[in-house]
């Protein structure tokens, strides 16, 4: 071991290199990632690749001219923003604020890159790697602790459960009735909040509903985000849609729509957003959906446009259309609907009917305004659905509603109002003319 004391010149060089390293970390670790923190908690994907890319690009370009470094930094920021190419961030004040921050950071980076970032000491290079991959790990850890099971994959060996299996919904597929499955975006289980608990599924406590359906409800475990919720309910296993994209193995793709199609059911799906997003237009047919209707199709049928970060067709107008599908069906039909409008963050206005939220709940409007806006949309969906399924000409159908995941609120005040592990379901079992099966 070399115990030789550093000379003043050596100490000065070490200190100068440390300063260069700090300059580099300020730009490529701090500035490149800070503006996205809030977005992680409202539904943006985990940023493992952008975080690592920013750090590695910063290491590559640290010795070249400032203008080129800045262009590389801007390119990394553009790459980090690619997720938003299919959404409308301008429809949310939260995202508008974040965009302003991003612009400010691009400006700040230009001036900060005037400083020398070309550090060279091996210890500082190792430390830069530790910062990059430490932040990647922190992103995963914070994401899990802040969002409950949102973006948390199921542990190996985790016991499987779903609303489809727990309710007995699939077992009723004997060709004597239609089956309607609705996955409701960000529908969580209220936790120690009476105002929310009283409102959840309250409209179904109705004499017209109970006259036609046996009503039951419960909760089911969830992992990960919306597409994993779809895999849970449609394919009966933990996982996500990625595994479906590059396979045609029917054993792998033995999902509920395909099973019902084999039993003679027509299989249809409706979703108020764009088909290419999360590649639903590719994997929906693979799991057995014969007919698919996305936002453009629903709008052609008369649905209005509803705004928000994910702008698309208005959910409150879809129940009429799915009822029309079932009324004109010539064979037993499995109709699946994935809602959209309650995706966080839920704005005011934007044709979402979320203004004056006091009409939903004075308490929620005062204490939990965005939860109140979500419940305003839930209320509109429930009222529109109940109007259709209690109509005299609505055909015999079993109806299952279930949440995909808890709403991944950023702030503890809102987030703590929900069970972090479970989502609710409501099952309307048709009494109809075939009570025996």
Protein backbone atom coordinates (compact mmCIF):
# COMPACT_ATOMS: atom_id res chain seq x y z
CA UNK A 1 0.00 0.00 0.00
CA UNK A 2 1.35 3.40 -0.97
CA UNK A 3 1.29 5.59 2.13
CA UNK A 4 3.11 8.46 0.44
CA UNK A 5 1.46 11.77 1.19
CA UNK A 6 0.19 13.69 -1.81
CA UNK A 7 2.14 16.77 -2.70
CA UNK A 8 0.28 20.09 -2.79
CA UNK A 9 0.28 19.86 -6.58
CA UNK A 10 -1.23 16.36 -6.51
CA UNK A 11 -3.85 17.45 -3.99
CA UNK A 12 -4.72 20.43 -6.18
CA UNK A 13 -5.11 18.17 -9.23
CA UNK A 14 -7.33 15.77 -7.28
CA UNK A 15 -9.48 18.66 -6.08
CA UNK A 16 -9.75 20.06 -9.61
CA UNK A 17 -10.82 16.67 -10.93
CA UNK A 18 -13.41 16.37 -8.18
CA UNK A 19 -14.82 19.75 -9.21
CA UNK A 20 -15.09 18.54 -12.82
CA UNK A 21 -16.88 15.41 -11.61
CA UNK A 22 -19.34 17.49 -9.59
CA UNK A 23 -20.00 19.68 -12.63
CA UNK A 24 -20.72 16.55 -14.68
CA UNK A 25 -23.02 15.00 -12.06
CA UNK A 26 -25.02 18.22 -11.73
CA UNK A 27 -25.91 18.13 -15.42
CA UNK A 28 -26.13 14.44 -16.34
CA UNK A 29 -27.49 13.01 -13.09
CA UNK A 30 -29.44 15.83 -11.47
CA UNK A 31 -30.74 18.01 -14.31
CA UNK A 32 -31.44 15.10 -16.64
CA UNK A 33 -33.77 13.40 -14.17
CA UNK A 34 -35.32 15.84 -11.71
CA UNK A 35 -38.19 17.10 -13.96
CA UNK A 36 -39.58 13.60 -14.39
CA UNK A 37 -39.99 12.70 -10.73
CA UNK A 38 -43.64 13.80 -10.49
CA UNK A 39 -44.46 12.13 -13.80
CA UNK A 40 -43.25 8.76 -12.47
CA UNK A 41 -46.05 8.86 -9.92
CA UNK A 42 -48.96 9.59 -12.25
CA UNK A 43 -48.58 6.80 -14.74
CA UNK A 44 -45.41 7.34 -16.77
CA UNK A 45 -43.32 4.21 -17.29
CA UNK A 46 -40.28 3.47 -15.10
CA UNK A 47 -37.26 5.39 -16.39
CA UNK A 48 -34.52 2.76 -16.09
CA UNK A 49 -33.30 3.22 -19.68
CA UNK A 50 -33.45 7.07 -19.79
CA UNK A 51 -31.58 7.35 -16.48
CA UNK A 52 -28.83 4.99 -17.60
CA UNK A 53 -28.71 6.56 -21.06
CA UNK A 54 -28.27 10.08 -19.68
CA UNK A 55 -25.37 9.04 -17.49
CA UNK A 56 -23.60 6.99 -20.15
CA UNK A 57 -24.02 9.66 -22.83
CA UNK A 58 -22.65 12.20 -20.37
CA UNK A 59 -19.55 10.06 -19.87
CA UNK A 60 -19.00 9.74 -23.62
CA UNK A 61 -19.35 13.43 -24.46
CA UNK A 62 -17.70 15.02 -21.42
CA UNK A 63 -14.48 15.86 -23.29
CA UNK A 64 -15.98 17.31 -26.49
CA UNK A 65 -17.04 20.94 -27.18
CA UNK A 66 -19.86 22.43 -25.12
CA UNK A 67 -22.24 22.90 -28.05
CA UNK A 68 -22.07 19.21 -28.89
CA UNK A 69 -22.50 18.28 -25.22
CA UNK A 70 -25.63 20.43 -25.04
CA UNK A 71 -27.08 18.87 -28.20
CA UNK A 72 -26.47 15.44 -26.67
CA UNK A 73 -28.18 16.55 -23.46
CA UNK A 74 -31.18 17.88 -25.43
CA UNK A 75 -31.37 14.60 -27.36
CA UNK A 76 -31.46 12.65 -24.11
CA UNK A 77 -34.30 14.85 -22.86
CA UNK A 78 -36.23 14.32 -26.11
CA UNK A 79 -35.75 10.58 -25.75
CA UNK A 80 -37.06 10.77 -22.18
CA UNK A 81 -40.17 12.53 -23.47
CA UNK A 82 -41.01 9.97 -26.16
CA UNK A 83 -43.63 8.35 -23.91
CA UNK A 84 -45.77 11.46 -24.35
CA UNK A 85 -46.03 11.19 -28.13
CA UNK A 86 -49.42 9.46 -27.83
CA UNK A 87 -50.87 11.54 -24.98
CA UNK A 88 -51.94 15.14 -24.56
CA UNK A 89 -49.81 16.62 -21.76
CA UNK A 90 -51.19 20.06 -22.57
CA UNK A 91 -54.54 18.93 -21.16
CA UNK A 92 -53.20 18.78 -17.61
CA UNK A 93 -51.84 21.67 -15.57
CA UNK A 94 -49.47 19.21 -13.86
CA UNK A 95 -47.87 18.25 -17.16
CA UNK A 96 -47.82 21.84 -18.41
CA UNK A 97 -45.88 22.81 -15.30
CA UNK A 98 -43.47 19.93 -15.88
CA UNK A 99 -42.94 21.05 -19.49
CA UNK A 100 -42.04 24.55 -18.30
CA UNK A 101 -39.52 22.99 -15.93
CA UNK A 102 -37.99 20.94 -18.78
CA UNK A 103 -37.52 24.07 -20.89
CA UNK A 104 -35.91 25.83 -17.94
CA UNK A 105 -33.56 22.90 -17.43
CA UNK A 106 -32.49 22.94 -21.09
CA UNK A 107 -31.61 26.60 -20.67
CA UNK A 108 -29.78 25.97 -17.40
CA UNK A 109 -27.81 23.09 -18.91
CA UNK A 110 -26.43 25.38 -21.62
CA UNK A 111 -24.88 27.62 -19.00
CA UNK A 112 -23.79 24.84 -16.66
CA UNK A 113 -21.97 23.09 -19.50
CA UNK A 114 -19.64 26.08 -19.69
CA UNK A 115 -17.96 24.42 -16.73
CA UNK A 116 -15.35 21.75 -17.33
CA UNK A 117 -16.87 18.26 -16.91
CA UNK A 118 -13.92 16.25 -18.26
CA UNK A 119 -12.89 14.44 -15.06
CA UNK A 120 -10.43 11.57 -15.45
CA UNK A 121 -9.55 10.02 -12.08
CA UNK A 122 -10.50 6.30 -11.95
CA UNK A 123 -12.15 6.79 -8.57
CA UNK A 124 -14.43 9.46 -10.02
CA UNK A 125 -15.28 7.31 -13.04
CA UNK A 126 -16.28 4.50 -10.68
CA UNK A 127 -18.30 6.97 -8.64
CA UNK A 128 -20.13 8.16 -11.76
CA UNK A 129 -21.16 4.56 -12.49
CA UNK A 130 -22.32 4.16 -8.91
CA UNK A 131 -24.45 7.30 -9.23
CA UNK A 132 -26.03 6.14 -12.49
CA UNK A 133 -26.98 2.68 -11.35
CA UNK A 134 -27.76 3.86 -7.84
CA UNK A 135 -30.36 6.22 -9.29
CA UNK A 136 -31.76 3.41 -11.43
CA UNK A 137 -32.18 1.33 -8.28
CA UNK A 138 -33.66 4.25 -6.38
CA UNK A 139 -36.18 4.78 -9.19
CA UNK A 140 -37.38 1.21 -8.84
CA UNK A 141 -37.45 1.32 -5.04
CA UNK A 142 -39.22 4.67 -4.79
CA UNK A 143 -41.68 3.62 -7.45
CA UNK A 144 -42.67 0.56 -5.45
CA UNK A 145 -43.00 2.33 -2.12
CA UNK A 146 -44.90 5.29 -3.58
CA UNK A 147 -47.32 3.42 -5.82
CA UNK A 148 -48.19 0.29 -3.91
CA UNK A 149 -48.17 -2.53 -6.47
CA UNK A 150 -48.33 -0.11 -9.40
CA UNK A 151 -45.43 -1.00 -11.74
CA UNK A 152 -44.42 -3.77 -9.34
CA UNK A 153 -44.34 -7.19 -11.01
CA UNK A 154 -45.79 -10.16 -9.18
CA UNK A 155 -43.18 -11.98 -7.09
CA UNK A 156 -42.17 -15.41 -8.31
CA UNK A 157 -44.63 -17.92 -6.93
CA UNK A 158 -47.25 -15.35 -5.96
CA UNK A 159 -50.66 -17.02 -5.64
CA UNK A 160 -52.90 -15.92 -8.49
CA UNK A 161 -56.33 -14.38 -8.11
CA UNK A 162 -58.63 -12.28 -10.24
CA UNK A 163 -62.16 -10.92 -10.24
CA UNK A 164 -63.04 -13.23 -13.14
CA UNK A 165 -62.06 -16.31 -11.13
CA UNK A 166 -63.34 -15.17 -7.71
CA UNK A 167 -66.77 -14.03 -8.93
CA UNK A 168 -67.55 -17.14 -10.99
CA UNK A 169 -68.03 -14.95 -14.06
CA UNK A 170 -66.32 -17.25 -16.59
CA UNK A 171 -68.16 -20.33 -15.31
CA UNK A 172 -71.43 -18.83 -16.57
CA UNK A 173 -70.31 -19.13 -20.20
CA UNK A 174 -72.82 -21.77 -21.29
CA UNK A 175 -74.21 -19.90 -24.29
CA UNK A 176 -77.42 -18.87 -22.51
CA UNK A 177 -76.47 -15.26 -21.87
CA UNK A 178 -74.00 -12.57 -22.90
CA UNK A 179 -70.96 -11.78 -20.76
CA UNK A 180 -69.80 -8.19 -20.19
CA UNK A 181 -66.43 -7.46 -18.55
CA UNK A 182 -65.49 -3.86 -17.71
CA UNK A 183 -62.04 -2.93 -16.40
CA UNK A 184 -62.24 0.53 -14.85
CA UNK A 185 -59.14 2.72 -15.02
CA UNK A 186 -57.66 3.58 -11.58
CA UNK A 187 -60.57 2.17 -9.57
CA UNK A 188 -59.10 1.51 -6.13
CA UNK A 189 -60.30 0.14 -2.80
CA UNK A 190 -61.03 2.97 -0.33
CA UNK A 191 -59.05 2.66 2.88
CA UNK A 192 -60.56 4.13 6.07
CA UNK A 193 -62.41 6.80 4.11
CA UNK A 194 -66.15 6.60 4.69
CA UNK A 195 -67.07 9.19 2.06
CA UNK A 196 -65.33 7.14 -0.62
CA UNK A 197 -66.55 3.78 0.68
CA UNK A 198 -70.14 5.05 0.71
CA UNK A 199 -69.85 6.17 -2.92
CA UNK A 200 -68.09 3.14 -4.37
CA UNK A 201 -70.67 1.15 -6.37
CA UNK A 202 -73.46 3.05 -4.54
CA UNK A 203 -75.59 3.44 -7.68
CA UNK A 204 -75.91 -0.32 -7.98
CA UNK A 205 -77.80 -0.45 -4.68
CA UNK A 206 -80.91 0.22 -6.72
CA UNK A 207 -84.22 -1.62 -6.92
CA UNK A 208 -84.13 -1.76 -10.73
CA UNK A 209 -80.66 -3.32 -10.63
CA UNK A 210 -81.56 -5.82 -7.91
CA UNK A 211 -84.71 -6.82 -9.75
CA UNK A 212 -82.64 -8.14 -12.66
CA UNK A 213 -79.32 -9.10 -11.06
CA UNK A 214 -77.86 -10.80 -8.03
CA UNK A 215 -75.32 -8.25 -6.82
CA UNK A 216 -72.06 -9.29 -5.14
CA UNK A 217 -68.73 -7.60 -4.67
CA UNK A 218 -65.24 -8.17 -3.35
CA UNK A 219 -61.59 -7.33 -3.94
CA UNK A 220 -58.71 -8.93 -5.78
CA UNK A 221 -54.95 -8.59 -5.66
CA UNK A 222 -53.27 -6.61 -8.42
CA UNK A 223 -49.73 -6.10 -9.62
CA UNK A 224 -48.36 -3.57 -12.07
CA UNK A 225 -50.30 -1.17 -14.29
CA UNK A 226 -53.28 -1.32 -16.64
CA UNK A 227 -52.03 -3.81 -19.21
CA UNK A 228 -51.09 -6.20 -16.41
CA UNK A 229 -54.62 -5.78 -15.07
CA UNK A 230 -55.88 -6.81 -18.48
CA UNK A 231 -53.61 -9.85 -18.48
CA UNK A 232 -54.88 -10.75 -15.01
CA UNK A 233 -58.56 -10.67 -15.93
CA UNK A 234 -58.40 -11.73 -19.59
CA UNK A 235 -55.64 -14.34 -19.50
CA UNK A 236 -55.83 -15.59 -15.93
CA UNK A 237 -52.20 -15.06 -14.94
CA UNK A 238 -49.71 -12.49 -13.73
CA UNK A 239 -47.67 -10.83 -16.45
CA UNK A 240 -47.91 -8.19 -19.14
CA UNK A 241 -48.66 -7.91 -22.83
CA UNK A 242 -44.99 -8.02 -23.92
CA UNK A 243 -45.00 -11.80 -23.82
CA UNK A 244 -47.87 -11.88 -26.31
CA UNK A 245 -46.26 -9.82 -29.05
CA UNK A 246 -43.77 -12.34 -30.39
CA UNK A 247 -45.65 -15.57 -30.05
CA UNK A 248 -48.46 -17.39 -31.80
CA UNK A 249 -48.37 -20.33 -29.40
CA UNK A 250 -52.02 -21.05 -28.71
CA UNK A 251 -51.16 -22.64 -25.37
CA UNK A 252 -49.50 -19.39 -24.33
CA UNK A 253 -52.41 -17.40 -25.73
CA UNK A 254 -55.15 -19.46 -24.09
CA UNK A 255 -56.98 -16.40 -22.79
CA UNK A 256 -60.65 -15.90 -21.93
CA UNK A 257 -61.69 -14.38 -25.29
CA UNK A 258 -60.17 -17.33 -27.18
CA UNK A 259 -61.77 -19.82 -24.78
CA UNK A 260 -65.18 -18.22 -25.24
CA UNK A 261 -64.79 -18.04 -29.01
CA UNK A 262 -64.30 -21.82 -29.00
CA UNK A 263 -67.61 -22.09 -27.16
CA UNK A 264 -69.41 -20.15 -29.88
CA UNK A 265 -69.23 -16.65 -28.40
CA UNK A 266 -68.62 -13.57 -30.49
CA UNK A 267 -65.78 -11.65 -28.84
CA UNK A 268 -65.62 -7.85 -28.93
CA UNK A 269 -63.51 -5.20 -27.24
CA UNK A 270 -64.04 -1.45 -26.80
CA UNK A 271 -61.45 1.06 -25.58
CA UNK A 272 -61.75 4.84 -25.63
CA UNK A 273 -58.09 5.46 -26.61
CA UNK A 274 -55.89 4.72 -29.61
CA UNK A 275 -55.28 1.16 -30.75
CA UNK A 276 -51.50 1.49 -31.29
CA UNK A 277 -50.93 2.65 -27.69
CA UNK A 278 -49.42 -0.26 -25.72
CA UNK A 279 -49.84 -2.17 -29.01
CA UNK A 280 -53.40 -3.22 -28.16
CA UNK A 281 -54.32 -3.40 -31.82
CA UNK A 282 -51.65 -6.11 -32.14
CA UNK A 283 -52.24 -8.31 -29.10
CA UNK A 284 -56.02 -8.03 -28.72
CA UNK A 285 -56.63 -10.22 -31.79
CA UNK A 286 -53.95 -12.65 -30.60
CA UNK A 287 -55.88 -13.40 -27.41
CA UNK A 288 -59.13 -13.97 -29.28
CA UNK A 289 -60.94 -10.67 -29.86
CA UNK A 290 -62.68 -10.84 -33.23
CA UNK A 291 -63.97 -7.25 -33.28
CA UNK A 292 -62.12 -4.24 -31.89
CA UNK A 293 -63.37 -0.67 -31.45
CA UNK A 294 -61.02 2.12 -30.38
CA UNK A 295 -61.49 5.88 -29.98
CA UNK A 296 -61.80 6.64 -33.70
CA UNK A 297 -64.49 3.97 -34.09
CA UNK A 298 -66.44 5.11 -31.02
CA UNK A 299 -66.33 8.73 -32.15
CA UNK A 300 -67.71 7.68 -35.54
CA UNK A 301 -70.60 6.09 -33.66
CA UNK A 302 -71.33 9.35 -31.86
CA UNK A 303 -69.08 9.47 -28.81
CA UNK A 304 -67.87 12.93 -27.88
CA UNK A 305 -64.22 13.82 -27.33
CA UNK A 306 -63.08 13.93 -23.71
CA UNK A 307 -59.79 15.53 -22.74
CA UNK A 308 -57.19 14.80 -20.14
CA UNK A 309 -53.62 13.59 -20.45
CA UNK A 310 -55.01 10.60 -22.34
CA UNK A 311 -57.60 12.28 -24.55
CA UNK A 312 -60.09 10.07 -26.34
CA UNK A 313 -63.75 9.12 -26.50
CA UNK A 314 -65.96 9.94 -23.50
CA UNK A 315 -66.49 6.88 -21.33
CA UNK A 316 -69.95 8.00 -20.25
CA UNK A 317 -71.22 7.45 -23.80
CA UNK A 318 -69.80 3.96 -24.30
CA UNK A 319 -72.51 2.05 -22.31
CA UNK A 320 -75.11 2.95 -24.92
CA UNK A 321 -72.87 1.56 -27.65
CA UNK A 322 -72.02 -1.68 -25.90
CA UNK A 323 -75.73 -2.15 -25.20
CA UNK A 324 -76.38 -1.67 -28.92
CA UNK A 325 -73.75 -4.33 -29.67
CA UNK A 326 -75.47 -6.85 -27.41
CA UNK A 327 -79.00 -6.02 -28.59
CA UNK A 328 -78.15 -6.71 -32.21
CA UNK A 329 -76.02 -9.79 -31.48
CA UNK A 330 -77.05 -12.96 -33.27
CA UNK A 331 -75.04 -15.25 -30.99
CA UNK A 332 -73.89 -15.22 -27.38
CA UNK A 333 -71.33 -12.43 -27.03
CA UNK A 334 -68.40 -11.63 -24.77
CA UNK A 335 -68.12 -7.85 -24.66
CA UNK A 336 -65.05 -6.32 -23.00
CA UNK A 337 -64.66 -2.60 -22.27
CA UNK A 338 -61.56 -0.85 -20.92
CA UNK A 339 -62.36 2.66 -19.67
CA UNK A 340 -60.04 5.65 -20.01
CA UNK A 341 -61.10 9.01 -18.59
CA UNK A 342 -60.12 8.49 -14.92
CA UNK A 343 -56.42 8.10 -15.74
CA UNK A 344 -54.35 10.40 -13.54
CA UNK A 345 -54.02 13.30 -13.42
CA UNK A 346 -57.73 14.08 -13.85
CA UNK A 347 -58.16 17.72 -14.94
CA UNK A 348 -61.12 20.03 -14.59
CA UNK A 349 -63.15 20.90 -17.68
CA UNK A 350 -62.01 19.09 -20.88
CA UNK A 351 -65.62 17.86 -21.30
CA UNK A 352 -65.13 15.45 -18.39
CA UNK A 353 -67.93 16.89 -16.24
CA UNK A 354 -65.54 17.30 -13.31
CA UNK A 355 -66.29 20.94 -12.50
CA UNK A 356 -68.23 21.80 -9.35
CA UNK A 357 -67.20 18.56 -7.69
CA UNK A 358 -69.23 19.47 -4.63
CA UNK A 359 -72.16 17.83 -6.38
CA UNK A 360 -70.32 14.51 -5.96
CA UNK A 361 -69.21 15.00 -2.37
CA UNK A 362 -68.62 18.17 -0.40
CA UNK A 363 -66.07 16.34 1.76
CA UNK A 364 -64.11 14.91 -1.16
CA UNK A 365 -64.20 18.22 -3.04
CA UNK A 366 -62.74 19.96 0.01
CA UNK A 367 -60.16 17.40 1.16
CA UNK A 368 -59.32 15.27 -1.91
CA UNK A 369 -60.10 17.28 -5.06
CA UNK A 370 -58.58 14.92 -7.63
CA UNK A 371 -60.21 11.88 -6.03
CA UNK A 372 -63.45 13.83 -6.19
CA UNK A 373 -62.93 14.44 -9.91
CA UNK A 374 -62.35 10.72 -10.42
CA UNK A 375 -65.57 9.89 -8.61
CA UNK A 376 -67.43 12.40 -10.76
CA UNK A 377 -66.39 10.37 -13.81
CA UNK A 378 -67.14 7.06 -12.07
CA UNK A 379 -70.60 8.40 -11.27
CA UNK A 380 -71.27 9.31 -14.91
CA UNK A 381 -70.11 5.86 -16.07
CA UNK A 382 -72.23 4.07 -13.46
CA UNK A 383 -75.37 6.08 -14.22
CA UNK A 384 -74.99 5.57 -17.96
CA UNK A 385 -74.36 1.85 -17.54
CA UNK A 386 -77.27 1.30 -15.17
CA UNK A 387 -79.62 3.10 -17.53
CA UNK A 388 -78.73 0.61 -20.27
CA UNK A 389 -78.58 -2.65 -18.29
CA UNK A 390 -81.95 -2.06 -16.60
CA UNK A 391 -83.77 -1.17 -19.82
CA UNK A 392 -86.57 -3.57 -20.76
CA UNK A 393 -84.93 -4.46 -24.08
CA UNK A 394 -81.44 -5.10 -22.65
CA UNK A 395 -80.64 -8.78 -23.26
CA UNK A 396 -79.76 -11.24 -20.53
CA UNK A 397 -76.11 -10.68 -19.55
CA UNK A 398 -73.76 -11.18 -16.63
CA UNK A 399 -71.73 -8.04 -15.91
CA UNK A 400 -68.42 -7.80 -14.05
CA UNK A 401 -66.71 -4.49 -13.19
CA UNK A 402 -63.19 -4.46 -11.72
CA UNK A 403 -60.38 -1.96 -11.21
CA UNK A 404 -57.05 -2.37 -12.96
CA UNK A 405 -54.89 -0.85 -10.20
CA UNK A 406 -55.12 1.68 -7.40
CA UNK A 407 -54.80 5.30 -8.56
CA UNK A 408 -51.04 6.02 -8.32
CA UNK A 409 -51.23 9.44 -6.68
CA UNK A 410 -47.91 11.16 -6.05
CA UNK A 411 -48.77 12.76 -2.75
CA UNK A 412 -49.25 10.72 0.40
CA UNK A 413 -52.41 12.69 1.29
CA UNK A 414 -54.34 11.26 -1.68
CA UNK A 415 -52.47 7.96 -2.04
CA UNK A 416 -53.05 6.88 1.55
CA UNK A 417 -56.82 6.81 0.96
CA UNK A 418 -56.46 3.54 -1.01
CA UNK A 419 -55.46 -0.02 -0.31
CA UNK A 420 -52.03 -0.32 -1.99
CA UNK A 421 -52.47 -4.01 -2.88
CA UNK A 422 -56.09 -4.62 -3.92
CA UNK A 423 -58.74 -3.42 -6.35
CA UNK A 424 -62.54 -3.77 -6.04
CA UNK A 425 -64.94 -5.75 -8.19
CA UNK A 426 -68.73 -5.80 -8.57
CA UNK A 427 -70.57 -8.72 -10.15
CA UNK A 428 -74.11 -8.44 -11.53
CA UNK A 429 -75.32 -11.99 -12.09
CA UNK A 430 -78.36 -12.05 -14.35
CA UNK A 431 -81.44 -13.67 -12.80
CA UNK A 432 -82.98 -13.90 -16.27
CA UNK A 433 -84.69 -16.96 -17.69
CA UNK A 434 -81.76 -19.32 -17.11
CA UNK A 435 -81.17 -19.29 -13.33
CA UNK A 436 -79.80 -22.82 -13.35
CA UNK A 437 -76.46 -22.10 -15.01
